Amino acid sequence: MSRSSLYREVGRGRLQVVKLGHLTRIRVEDLEAYVSALMAPPGEA
């Protein structure tokens, strides 16, 4: 693999990680609410 294509792959992977980071950062509150709802005993939700 040439150096330029290696850099391109690394850049693409980093972009995906950044996108995922933005998505997860936005969804942290939703995830916490979902987990707390799962952990709550039936009837308290």
PDB file of N, CA and C in Angstrom:
ATOM      1  N   MET A   1       0.858  -1.199   0.000  1.00  0.00           N
ATOM      2  CA  MET A   1       0.000   0.000   0.000  1.00  0.00           C
ATOM      3  C   MET A   1       0.885   1.237   0.000  1.00  0.00           C
ATOM      4  N   SER A   2       0.557   2.186  -0.845  1.00  0.00           N
ATOM      5  CA  SER A   2       1.367   3.401  -0.912  1.00  0.00           C
ATOM      6  C   SER A   2       1.056   4.291   0.287  1.00  0.00           C
ATOM      7  N   ARG A   3       1.965   5.203   0.557  1.00  0.00           N
ATOM      8  CA  ARG A   3       1.805   6.065   1.720  1.00  0.00           C
ATOM      9  C   ARG A   3       0.564   6.951   1.585  1.00  0.00           C
ATOM     10  N   SER A   4       0.316   7.475   0.388  1.00  0.00           N
ATOM     11  CA  SER A   4      -0.832   8.376   0.215  1.00  0.00           C
ATOM     12  C   SER A   4      -2.148   7.641   0.459  1.00  0.00           C
ATOM     13  N   SER A   5      -2.253   6.388  -0.002  1.00  0.00           N
ATOM     14  CA  SER A   5      -3.494   5.648   0.215  1.00  0.00           C
ATOM     15  C   SER A   5      -3.637   5.275   1.691  1.00  0.00           C
ATOM     16  N   LEU A   6      -2.505   5.047   2.364  1.00  0.00           N
ATOM     17  CA  LEU A   6      -2.551   4.759   3.795  1.00  0.00           C
ATOM     18  C   LEU A   6      -3.091   5.970   4.552  1.00  0.00           C
ATOM     19  N   TYR A   7      -2.581   7.155   4.214  1.00  0.00           N
ATOM     20  CA  TYR A   7      -3.076   8.379   4.850  1.00  0.00           C
ATOM     21  C   TYR A   7      -4.560   8.581   4.569  1.00  0.00           C
ATOM     22  N   ARG A   8      -4.973   8.236   3.342  1.00  0.00           N
ATOM     23  CA  ARG A   8      -6.375   8.406   2.977  1.00  0.00           C
ATOM     24  C   ARG A   8      -7.258   7.499   3.840  1.00  0.00           C
ATOM     25  N   GLU A   9      -6.819   6.257   4.047  1.00  0.00           N
ATOM     26  CA  GLU A   9      -7.590   5.326   4.875  1.00  0.00           C
ATOM     27  C   GLU A   9      -7.662   5.811   6.322  1.00  0.00           C
ATOM     28  N   VAL A  10      -6.536   6.300   6.839  1.00  0.00           N
ATOM     29  CA  VAL A  10      -6.516   6.805   8.215  1.00  0.00           C
ATOM     30  C   VAL A  10      -7.444   8.004   8.343  1.00  0.00           C
ATOM     31  N   GLY A  11      -7.413   8.904   7.354  1.00  0.00           N
ATOM     32  CA  GLY A  11      -8.273  10.079   7.378  1.00  0.00           C
ATOM     33  C   GLY A  11      -9.738   9.699   7.336  1.00  0.00           C
ATOM     34  N   ARG A  12     -10.067   8.693   6.534  1.00  0.00           N
ATOM     35  CA  ARG A  12     -11.456   8.244   6.433  1.00  0.00           C
ATOM     36  C   ARG A  12     -11.906   7.649   7.766  1.00  0.00           C
ATOM     37  N   GLY A  13     -11.073   6.841   8.374  1.00  0.00           N
ATOM     38  CA  GLY A  13     -11.405   6.245   9.664  1.00  0.00           C
ATOM     39  C   GLY A  13     -11.592   7.311  10.730  1.00  0.00           C
ATOM     40  N   ARG A  14     -10.720   8.324  10.720  1.00  0.00           N
ATOM     41  CA  ARG A  14     -10.828   9.392  11.711  1.00  0.00           C
ATOM     42  C   ARG A  14     -12.126  10.166  11.512  1.00  0.00           C
ATOM     43  N   LEU A  15     -12.506  10.389  10.250  1.00  0.00           N
ATOM     44  CA  LEU A  15     -13.750  11.109   9.962  1.00  0.00           C
ATOM     45  C   LEU A  15     -14.946  10.331  10.502  1.00  0.00           C
ATOM     46  N   GLN A  16     -14.929   9.009  10.330  1.00  0.00           N
ATOM     47  CA  GLN A  16     -16.022   8.181  10.833  1.00  0.00           C
ATOM     48  C   GLN A  16     -16.080   8.233  12.358  1.00  0.00           C
ATOM     49  N   VAL A  17     -14.916   8.225  12.998  1.00  0.00           N
ATOM     50  CA  VAL A  17     -14.875   8.291  14.460  1.00  0.00           C
ATOM     51  C   VAL A  17     -15.437   9.623  14.941  1.00  0.00           C
ATOM     52  N   VAL A  18     -15.075  10.707  14.244  1.00  0.00           N
ATOM     53  CA  VAL A  18     -15.575  12.029  14.621  1.00  0.00           C
ATOM     54  C   VAL A  18     -17.088  12.095  14.452  1.00  0.00           C
ATOM     55  N   LYS A  19     -17.591  11.546  13.335  1.00  0.00           N
ATOM     56  CA  LYS A  19     -19.040  11.524  13.112  1.00  0.00           C
ATOM     57  C   LYS A  19     -19.729  10.730  14.219  1.00  0.00           C
ATOM     58  N   LEU A  20     -19.174   9.565  14.542  1.00  0.00           N
ATOM     59  CA  LEU A  20     -19.751   8.727  15.580  1.00  0.00           C
ATOM     60  C   LEU A  20     -19.713   9.454  16.919  1.00  0.00           C
ATOM     61  N   GLY A  21     -18.619  10.161  17.179  1.00  0.00           N
ATOM     62  CA  GLY A  21     -18.499  10.927  18.416  1.00  0.00           C
ATOM     63  C   GLY A  21     -19.576  11.986  18.523  1.00  0.00           C
ATOM     64  N   HIS A  22     -19.855  12.676  17.412  1.00  0.00           N
ATOM     65  CA  HIS A  22     -20.902  13.695  17.431  1.00  0.00           C
ATOM     66  C   HIS A  22     -22.259  13.042  17.686  1.00  0.00           C
ATOM     67  N   LEU A  23     -22.521  11.915  17.031  1.00  0.00           N
ATOM     68  CA  LEU A  23     -23.796  11.222  17.215  1.00  0.00           C
ATOM     69  C   LEU A  23     -23.958  10.763  18.656  1.00  0.00           C
ATOM     70  N   THR A  24     -22.904  10.164  19.211  1.00  0.00           N
ATOM     71  CA  THR A  24     -23.003   9.648  20.570  1.00  0.00           C
ATOM     72  C   THR A  24     -23.112  10.784  21.567  1.00  0.00           C
ATOM     73  N   ARG A  25     -22.431  11.899  21.308  1.00  0.00           N
ATOM     74  CA  ARG A  25     -22.494  13.022  22.240  1.00  0.00           C
ATOM     75  C   ARG A  25     -23.923  13.574  22.280  1.00  0.00           C
ATOM     76  N   ILE A  26     -24.576  13.604  21.116  1.00  0.00           N
ATOM     77  CA  ILE A  26     -25.944  14.097  21.049  1.00  0.00           C
ATOM     78  C   ILE A  26     -26.889  13.128  21.762  1.00  0.00           C
ATOM     79  N   ARG A  27     -26.591  11.840  21.671  1.00  0.00           N
ATOM     80  CA  ARG A  27     -27.516  10.814  22.144  1.00  0.00           C
ATOM     81  C   ARG A  27     -27.253  10.339  23.571  1.00  0.00           C
ATOM     82  N   VAL A  28     -26.291  10.927  24.265  1.00  0.00           N
ATOM     83  CA  VAL A  28     -25.963  10.446  25.609  1.00  0.00           C
ATOM     84  C   VAL A  28     -27.170  10.576  26.536  1.00  0.00           C
ATOM     85  N   GLU A  29     -27.868  11.707  26.479  1.00  0.00           N
ATOM     86  CA  GLU A  29     -29.025  11.907  27.348  1.00  0.00           C
ATOM     87  C   GLU A  29     -30.112  10.881  27.042  1.00  0.00           C
ATOM     88  N   ASP A  30     -30.361  10.642  25.751  1.00  0.00           N
ATOM     89  CA  ASP A  30     -31.369   9.659  25.365  1.00  0.00           C
ATOM     90  C   ASP A  30     -30.985   8.271  25.869  1.00  0.00           C
ATOM     91  N   LEU A  31     -29.694   7.936  25.746  1.00  0.00           N
ATOM     92  CA  LEU A  31     -29.229   6.625  26.175  1.00  0.00           C
ATOM     93  C   LEU A  31     -29.391   6.460  27.681  1.00  0.00           C
ATOM     94  N   GLU A  32     -29.050   7.492  28.448  1.00  0.00           N
ATOM     95  CA  GLU A  32     -29.183   7.412  29.902  1.00  0.00           C
ATOM     96  C   GLU A  32     -30.648   7.248  30.312  1.00  0.00           C
ATOM     97  N   ALA A  33     -31.540   7.976  29.638  1.00  0.00           N
ATOM     98  CA  ALA A  33     -32.967   7.864  29.944  1.00  0.00           C
ATOM     99  C   ALA A  33     -33.469   6.452  29.624  1.00  0.00           C
ATOM    100  N   TYR A  34     -32.985   5.897  28.499  1.00  0.00           N
ATOM    101  CA  TYR A  34     -33.389   4.557  28.086  1.00  0.00           C
ATOM    102  C   TYR A  34     -32.915   3.509  29.088  1.00  0.00           C
ATOM    103  N   VAL A  35     -31.657   3.635  29.520  1.00  0.00           N
ATOM    104  CA  VAL A  35     -31.100   2.675  30.476  1.00  0.00           C
ATOM    105  C   VAL A  35     -31.828   2.771  31.812  1.00  0.00           C
ATOM    106  N   SER A  36     -32.105   3.988  32.271  1.00  0.00           N
ATOM    107  CA  SER A  36     -32.797   4.142  33.554  1.00  0.00           C
ATOM    108  C   SER A  36     -34.215   3.579  33.467  1.00  0.00           C
ATOM    109  N   ALA A  37     -34.850   3.710  32.295  1.00  0.00           N
ATOM    110  CA  ALA A  37     -36.182   3.143  32.111  1.00  0.00           C
ATOM    111  C   ALA A  37     -36.120   1.613  32.134  1.00  0.00           C
ATOM    112  N   LEU A  38     -35.059   1.047  31.562  1.00  0.00           N
ATOM    113  CA  LEU A  38     -34.900  -0.411  31.573  1.00  0.00           C
ATOM    114  C   LEU A  38     -34.649  -0.915  32.988  1.00  0.00           C
ATOM    115  N   MET A  39     -33.882  -0.159  33.760  1.00  0.00           N
ATOM    116  CA  MET A  39     -33.499  -0.588  35.098  1.00  0.00           C
ATOM    117  C   MET A  39     -34.630  -0.408  36.109  1.00  0.00           C
ATOM    118  N   ALA A  40     -35.593   0.471  35.804  1.00  0.00           N
ATOM    119  CA  ALA A  40     -36.686   0.726  36.742  1.00  0.00           C
ATOM    120  C   ALA A  40     -37.587  -0.507  36.841  1.00  0.00           C
ATOM    121  N   PRO A  41     -38.081  -0.815  38.029  1.00  0.00           N
ATOM    122  CA  PRO A  41     -39.010  -1.939  38.179  1.00  0.00           C
ATOM    123  C   PRO A  41     -40.279  -1.690  37.383  1.00  0.00           C
ATOM    124  N   PRO A  42     -40.941  -2.735  36.893  1.00  0.00           N
ATOM    125  CA  PRO A  42     -42.191  -2.563  36.145  1.00  0.00           C
ATOM    126  C   PRO A  42     -43.222  -1.821  36.989  1.00  0.00           C
ATOM    127  N   GLY A  43     -43.930  -0.886  36.372  1.00  0.00           N
ATOM    128  CA  GLY A  43     -44.945  -0.132  37.094  1.00  0.00           C
ATOM    129  C   GLY A  43     -44.441   1.237  37.527  1.00  0.00           C
ATOM    130  N   GLU A  44     -43.109   1.423  37.559  1.00  0.00           N
ATOM    131  CA  GLU A  44     -42.572   2.725  37.946  1.00  0.00           C
ATOM    132  C   GLU A  44     -42.243   3.566  36.728  1.00  0.00           C
ATOM    133  N   ALA A  45     -42.170   2.940  35.560  1.00  0.00           N
ATOM    134  CA  ALA A  45     -41.765   3.676  34.362  1.00  0.00           C
ATOM    135  C   ALA A  45     -42.851   4.666  33.957  1.00  0.00           C
TER     136      ALA A  45
END
